[in-house]
């Protein structure tokens, strides 16, 4: 399905992309702590809401 060159390119691209994302995130880590403090509660609320919907679906099926 894929040639050896395409597979090699895909693997190298993925590795380079992950490394660049890691360095970019570590560079902005202090800003994330400053401006997004408390945003974990939004995530907890969203996951709770989804779990509630799934629970309601299986209870009333």
PDB file of N, CA and C in Angstrom:
ATOM      1  N   UNK A   1       0.825  -1.180   0.000  1.00  0.00           N
ATOM      2  CA  UNK A   1       0.000   0.000   0.000  1.00  0.00           C
ATOM      3  C   UNK A   1       0.877   1.255   0.000  1.00  0.00           C
ATOM      4  N   UNK A   2       1.877   1.303   0.902  1.00  0.00           N
ATOM      5  CA  UNK A   2       2.801   2.428   0.946  1.00  0.00           C
ATOM      6  C   UNK A   2       4.186   1.942   0.572  1.00  0.00           C
ATOM      7  N   UNK A   3       4.940   2.811  -0.076  1.00  0.00           N
ATOM      8  CA  UNK A   3       6.317   2.448  -0.401  1.00  0.00           C
ATOM      9  C   UNK A   3       7.201   2.674   0.822  1.00  0.00           C
ATOM     10  N   UNK A   4       8.407   2.136   0.764  1.00  0.00           N
ATOM     11  CA  UNK A   4       9.339   2.310   1.884  1.00  0.00           C
ATOM     12  C   UNK A   4       9.675   3.778   2.124  1.00  0.00           C
ATOM     13  N   UNK A   5       9.767   4.542   1.052  1.00  0.00           N
ATOM     14  CA  UNK A   5      10.059   5.970   1.180  1.00  0.00           C
ATOM     15  C   UNK A   5       8.934   6.710   1.885  1.00  0.00           C
ATOM     16  N   UNK A   6       7.695   6.368   1.571  1.00  0.00           N
ATOM     17  CA  UNK A   6       6.553   7.024   2.209  1.00  0.00           C
ATOM     18  C   UNK A   6       6.480   6.682   3.695  1.00  0.00           C
ATOM     19  N   UNK A   7       6.751   5.434   4.030  1.00  0.00           N
ATOM     20  CA  UNK A   7       6.729   5.028   5.433  1.00  0.00           C
ATOM     21  C   UNK A   7       7.842   5.737   6.206  1.00  0.00           C
ATOM     22  N   UNK A   8       9.030   5.798   5.624  1.00  0.00           N
ATOM     23  CA  UNK A   8      10.151   6.488   6.262  1.00  0.00           C
ATOM     24  C   UNK A   8       9.828   7.958   6.469  1.00  0.00           C
ATOM     25  N   UNK A   9       9.285   8.604   5.442  1.00  0.00           N
ATOM     26  CA  UNK A   9       8.921  10.012   5.558  1.00  0.00           C
ATOM     27  C   UNK A   9       7.880  10.208   6.647  1.00  0.00           C
ATOM     28  N   UNK A  10       6.886   9.356   6.705  1.00  0.00           N
ATOM     29  CA  UNK A  10       5.842   9.485   7.718  1.00  0.00           C
ATOM     30  C   UNK A  10       6.388   9.351   9.120  1.00  0.00           C
ATOM     31  N   UNK A  11       7.278   8.398   9.324  1.00  0.00           N
ATOM     32  CA  UNK A  11       7.863   8.209  10.650  1.00  0.00           C
ATOM     33  C   UNK A  11       8.739   9.395  11.039  1.00  0.00           C
ATOM     34  N   UNK A  12       9.581   9.843  10.125  1.00  0.00           N
ATOM     35  CA  UNK A  12      10.451  10.990  10.415  1.00  0.00           C
ATOM     36  C   UNK A  12       9.633  12.268  10.640  1.00  0.00           C
ATOM     37  N   UNK A  13       8.588  12.451   9.861  1.00  0.00           N
ATOM     38  CA  UNK A  13       7.737  13.622  10.030  1.00  0.00           C
ATOM     39  C   UNK A  13       7.060  13.599  11.392  1.00  0.00           C
ATOM     40  N   UNK A  14       6.547  12.444  11.795  1.00  0.00           N
ATOM     41  CA  UNK A  14       5.883  12.336  13.091  1.00  0.00           C
ATOM     42  C   UNK A  14       6.860  12.612  14.227  1.00  0.00           C
ATOM     43  N   UNK A  15       8.060  12.076  14.138  1.00  0.00           N
ATOM     44  CA  UNK A  15       9.066  12.308  15.182  1.00  0.00           C
ATOM     45  C   UNK A  15       9.430  13.788  15.253  1.00  0.00           C
ATOM     46  N   UNK A  16       9.675  14.408  14.115  1.00  0.00           N
ATOM     47  CA  UNK A  16      10.016  15.837  14.092  1.00  0.00           C
ATOM     48  C   UNK A  16       8.870  16.682  14.628  1.00  0.00           C
ATOM     49  N   UNK A  17       7.649  16.340  14.276  1.00  0.00           N
ATOM     50  CA  UNK A  17       6.486  17.095  14.730  1.00  0.00           C
ATOM     51  C   UNK A  17       6.344  17.006  16.245  1.00  0.00           C
ATOM     52  N   UNK A  18       6.522  15.820  16.806  1.00  0.00           N
ATOM     53  CA  UNK A  18       6.405  15.639  18.254  1.00  0.00           C
ATOM     54  C   UNK A  18       7.511  16.397  18.985  1.00  0.00           C
ATOM     55  N   UNK A  19       8.728  16.370  18.451  1.00  0.00           N
ATOM     56  CA  UNK A  19       9.836  17.089  19.080  1.00  0.00           C
ATOM     57  C   UNK A  19       9.578  18.595  19.063  1.00  0.00           C
ATOM     58  N   UNK A  20       9.113  19.120  17.947  1.00  0.00           N
ATOM     59  CA  UNK A  20       8.825  20.552  17.850  1.00  0.00           C
ATOM     60  C   UNK A  20       7.701  20.937  18.801  1.00  0.00           C
ATOM     61  N   UNK A  21       6.657  20.121  18.882  1.00  0.00           N
ATOM     62  CA  UNK A  21       5.572  20.409  19.824  1.00  0.00           C
ATOM     63  C   UNK A  21       6.068  20.402  21.260  1.00  0.00           C
ATOM     64  N   UNK A  22       6.926  19.454  21.606  1.00  0.00           N
ATOM     65  CA  UNK A  22       7.462  19.375  22.959  1.00  0.00           C
ATOM     66  C   UNK A  22       8.239  20.639  23.312  1.00  0.00           C
ATOM     67  N   UNK A  23       9.121  21.092  22.414  1.00  0.00           N
ATOM     68  CA  UNK A  23       9.898  22.297  22.695  1.00  0.00           C
ATOM     69  C   UNK A  23       9.018  23.540  22.746  1.00  0.00           C
ATOM     70  N   UNK A  24       8.036  23.642  21.885  1.00  0.00           N
ATOM     71  CA  UNK A  24       7.144  24.799  21.895  1.00  0.00           C
ATOM     72  C   UNK A  24       6.326  24.834  23.184  1.00  0.00           C
ATOM     73  N   UNK A  25       5.856  23.675  23.631  1.00  0.00           N
ATOM     74  CA  UNK A  25       5.075  23.645  24.868  1.00  0.00           C
ATOM     75  C   UNK A  25       5.950  23.966  26.062  1.00  0.00           C
ATOM     76  N   UNK A  26       7.160  23.407  26.123  1.00  0.00           N
ATOM     77  CA  UNK A  26       8.022  23.667  27.270  1.00  0.00           C
ATOM     78  C   UNK A  26       8.429  25.134  27.320  1.00  0.00           C
ATOM     79  N   UNK A  27       8.536  25.776  26.176  1.00  0.00           N
ATOM     80  CA  UNK A  27       8.874  27.200  26.131  1.00  0.00           C
ATOM     81  C   UNK A  27       7.720  28.044  26.686  1.00  0.00           C
ATOM     82  N   UNK A  28       6.485  27.657  26.432  1.00  0.00           N
ATOM     83  CA  UNK A  28       5.317  28.422  26.851  1.00  0.00           C
ATOM     84  C   UNK A  28       4.710  27.923  28.163  1.00  0.00           C
ATOM     85  N   UNK A  29       5.386  27.043  28.860  1.00  0.00           N
ATOM     86  CA  UNK A  29       4.820  26.427  30.060  1.00  0.00           C
ATOM     87  C   UNK A  29       4.465  27.463  31.136  1.00  0.00           C
ATOM     88  N   UNK A  30       5.320  28.442  31.333  1.00  0.00           N
ATOM     89  CA  UNK A  30       5.057  29.466  32.350  1.00  0.00           C
ATOM     90  C   UNK A  30       3.825  30.287  31.995  1.00  0.00           C
ATOM     91  N   UNK A  31       3.667  30.596  30.709  1.00  0.00           N
ATOM     92  CA  UNK A  31       2.490  31.364  30.288  1.00  0.00           C
ATOM     93  C   UNK A  31       1.208  30.551  30.465  1.00  0.00           C
ATOM     94  N   UNK A  32       1.284  29.262  30.213  1.00  0.00           N
ATOM     95  CA  UNK A  32       0.106  28.411  30.369  1.00  0.00           C
ATOM     96  C   UNK A  32      -0.331  28.376  31.833  1.00  0.00           C
ATOM     97  N   UNK A  33       0.627  28.285  32.751  1.00  0.00           N
ATOM     98  CA  UNK A  33       0.288  28.265  34.176  1.00  0.00           C
ATOM     99  C   UNK A  33      -0.328  29.585  34.612  1.00  0.00           C
ATOM    100  N   UNK A  34       0.123  30.679  34.012  1.00  0.00           N
ATOM    101  CA  UNK A  34      -0.374  31.997  34.398  1.00  0.00           C
ATOM    102  C   UNK A  34      -1.777  32.265  33.849  1.00  0.00           C
ATOM    103  N   UNK A  35      -1.994  32.010  32.578  1.00  0.00           N
ATOM    104  CA  UNK A  35      -3.239  32.409  31.934  1.00  0.00           C
ATOM    105  C   UNK A  35      -4.323  31.343  31.941  1.00  0.00           C
ATOM    106  N   UNK A  36      -3.968  30.094  32.125  1.00  0.00           N
ATOM    107  CA  UNK A  36      -4.964  29.027  32.075  1.00  0.00           C
ATOM    108  C   UNK A  36      -5.138  28.338  33.413  1.00  0.00           C
ATOM    109  N   UNK A  37      -4.885  29.068  34.501  1.00  0.00           N
ATOM    110  CA  UNK A  37      -5.053  28.512  35.835  1.00  0.00           C
ATOM    111  C   UNK A  37      -6.541  28.228  36.060  1.00  0.00           C
ATOM    112  N   UNK A  38      -6.852  27.035  36.525  1.00  0.00           N
ATOM    113  CA  UNK A  38      -8.238  26.663  36.788  1.00  0.00           C
ATOM    114  C   UNK A  38      -8.972  26.087  35.593  1.00  0.00           C
ATOM    115  N   UNK A  39      -8.322  26.004  34.454  1.00  0.00           N
ATOM    116  CA  UNK A  39      -9.010  25.480  33.280  1.00  0.00           C
ATOM    117  C   UNK A  39      -9.255  23.977  33.383  1.00  0.00           C
ATOM    118  N   UNK A  40      -8.585  23.319  34.318  1.00  0.00           N
ATOM    119  CA  UNK A  40      -8.811  21.884  34.517  1.00  0.00           C
ATOM    120  C   UNK A  40     -10.255  21.627  34.932  1.00  0.00           C
ATOM    121  N   UNK A  41     -10.868  22.572  35.619  1.00  0.00           N
ATOM    122  CA  UNK A  41     -12.252  22.380  36.061  1.00  0.00           C
ATOM    123  C   UNK A  41     -13.228  22.407  34.886  1.00  0.00           C
ATOM    124  N   UNK A  42     -12.895  23.133  33.846  1.00  0.00           N
ATOM    125  CA  UNK A  42     -13.712  23.109  32.633  1.00  0.00           C
ATOM    126  C   UNK A  42     -13.648  21.717  32.008  1.00  0.00           C
ATOM    127  N   UNK A  43     -12.467  21.139  31.967  1.00  0.00           N
ATOM    128  CA  UNK A  43     -12.307  19.789  31.440  1.00  0.00           C
ATOM    129  C   UNK A  43     -13.054  18.775  32.295  1.00  0.00           C
ATOM    130  N   UNK A  44     -12.947  18.886  33.604  1.00  0.00           N
ATOM    131  CA  UNK A  44     -13.663  17.969  34.504  1.00  0.00           C
ATOM    132  C   UNK A  44     -15.165  18.092  34.301  1.00  0.00           C
ATOM    133  N   UNK A  45     -15.667  19.303  34.163  1.00  0.00           N
ATOM    134  CA  UNK A  45     -17.087  19.509  33.924  1.00  0.00           C
ATOM    135  C   UNK A  45     -17.543  18.927  32.596  1.00  0.00           C
ATOM    136  N   UNK A  46     -16.750  19.097  31.570  1.00  0.00           N
ATOM    137  CA  UNK A  46     -17.092  18.569  30.252  1.00  0.00           C
ATOM    138  C   UNK A  46     -17.133  17.047  30.267  1.00  0.00           C
ATOM    139  N   UNK A  47     -16.124  16.428  30.880  1.00  0.00           N
ATOM    140  CA  UNK A  47     -16.099  14.964  30.955  1.00  0.00           C
ATOM    141  C   UNK A  47     -17.260  14.459  31.803  1.00  0.00           C
ATOM    142  N   UNK A  48     -17.576  15.153  32.894  1.00  0.00           N
ATOM    143  CA  UNK A  48     -18.720  14.761  33.724  1.00  0.00           C
ATOM    144  C   UNK A  48     -20.023  14.830  32.936  1.00  0.00           C
ATOM    145  N   UNK A  49     -20.173  15.878  32.155  1.00  0.00           N
ATOM    146  CA  UNK A  49     -21.371  16.023  31.345  1.00  0.00           C
ATOM    147  C   UNK A  49     -21.495  14.889  30.338  1.00  0.00           C
ATOM    148  N   UNK A  50     -20.386  14.540  29.684  1.00  0.00           N
ATOM    149  CA  UNK A  50     -20.419  13.438  28.723  1.00  0.00           C
ATOM    150  C   UNK A  50     -20.749  12.107  29.413  1.00  0.00           C
ATOM    151  N   UNK A  51     -20.160  11.876  30.576  1.00  0.00           N
ATOM    152  CA  UNK A  51     -20.464  10.652  31.321  1.00  0.00           C
ATOM    153  C   UNK A  51     -21.930  10.610  31.741  1.00  0.00           C
ATOM    154  N   UNK A  52     -22.466  11.757  32.107  1.00  0.00           N
ATOM    155  CA  UNK A  52     -23.877  11.826  32.476  1.00  0.00           C
ATOM    156  C   UNK A  52     -24.761  11.482  31.273  1.00  0.00           C
ATOM    157  N   UNK A  53     -24.423  11.986  30.096  1.00  0.00           N
ATOM    158  CA  UNK A  53     -25.200  11.673  28.898  1.00  0.00           C
ATOM    159  C   UNK A  53     -25.141  10.184  28.567  1.00  0.00           C
ATOM    160  N   UNK A  54     -23.959   9.596  28.678  1.00  0.00           N
ATOM    161  CA  UNK A  54     -23.813   8.170  28.402  1.00  0.00           C
ATOM    162  C   UNK A  54     -24.603   7.351  29.425  1.00  0.00           C
ATOM    163  N   UNK A  55     -24.551   7.763  30.691  1.00  0.00           N
ATOM    164  CA  UNK A  55     -25.298   7.063  31.737  1.00  0.00           C
ATOM    165  C   UNK A  55     -26.797   7.130  31.471  1.00  0.00           C
ATOM    166  N   UNK A  56     -27.286   8.306  31.127  1.00  0.00           N
ATOM    167  CA  UNK A  56     -28.718   8.464  30.831  1.00  0.00           C
ATOM    168  C   UNK A  56     -29.102   7.609  29.631  1.00  0.00           C
ATOM    169  N   UNK A  57     -28.244   7.542  28.643  1.00  0.00           N
ATOM    170  CA  UNK A  57     -28.545   6.745  27.461  1.00  0.00           C
ATOM    171  C   UNK A  57     -28.709   5.270  27.819  1.00  0.00           C
ATOM    172  N   UNK A  58     -27.809   4.730  28.646  1.00  0.00           N
ATOM    173  CA  UNK A  58     -27.877   3.324  28.984  1.00  0.00           C
ATOM    174  C   UNK A  58     -28.956   3.019  30.018  1.00  0.00           C
ATOM    175  N   UNK A  59     -29.323   3.974  30.842  1.00  0.00           N
ATOM    176  CA  UNK A  59     -30.390   3.754  31.823  1.00  0.00           C
ATOM    177  C   UNK A  59     -31.749   3.687  31.132  1.00  0.00           C
ATOM    178  N   UNK A  60     -31.984   4.560  30.162  1.00  0.00           N
ATOM    179  CA  UNK A  60     -33.287   4.634  29.523  1.00  0.00           C
ATOM    180  C   UNK A  60     -33.396   3.845  28.224  1.00  0.00           C
ATOM    181  N   UNK A  61     -32.442   2.984  27.943  1.00  0.00           N
ATOM    182  CA  UNK A  61     -32.520   2.156  26.740  1.00  0.00           C
ATOM    183  C   UNK A  61     -33.246   0.876  27.010  1.00  0.00           C
TER     184      UNK A  61
END
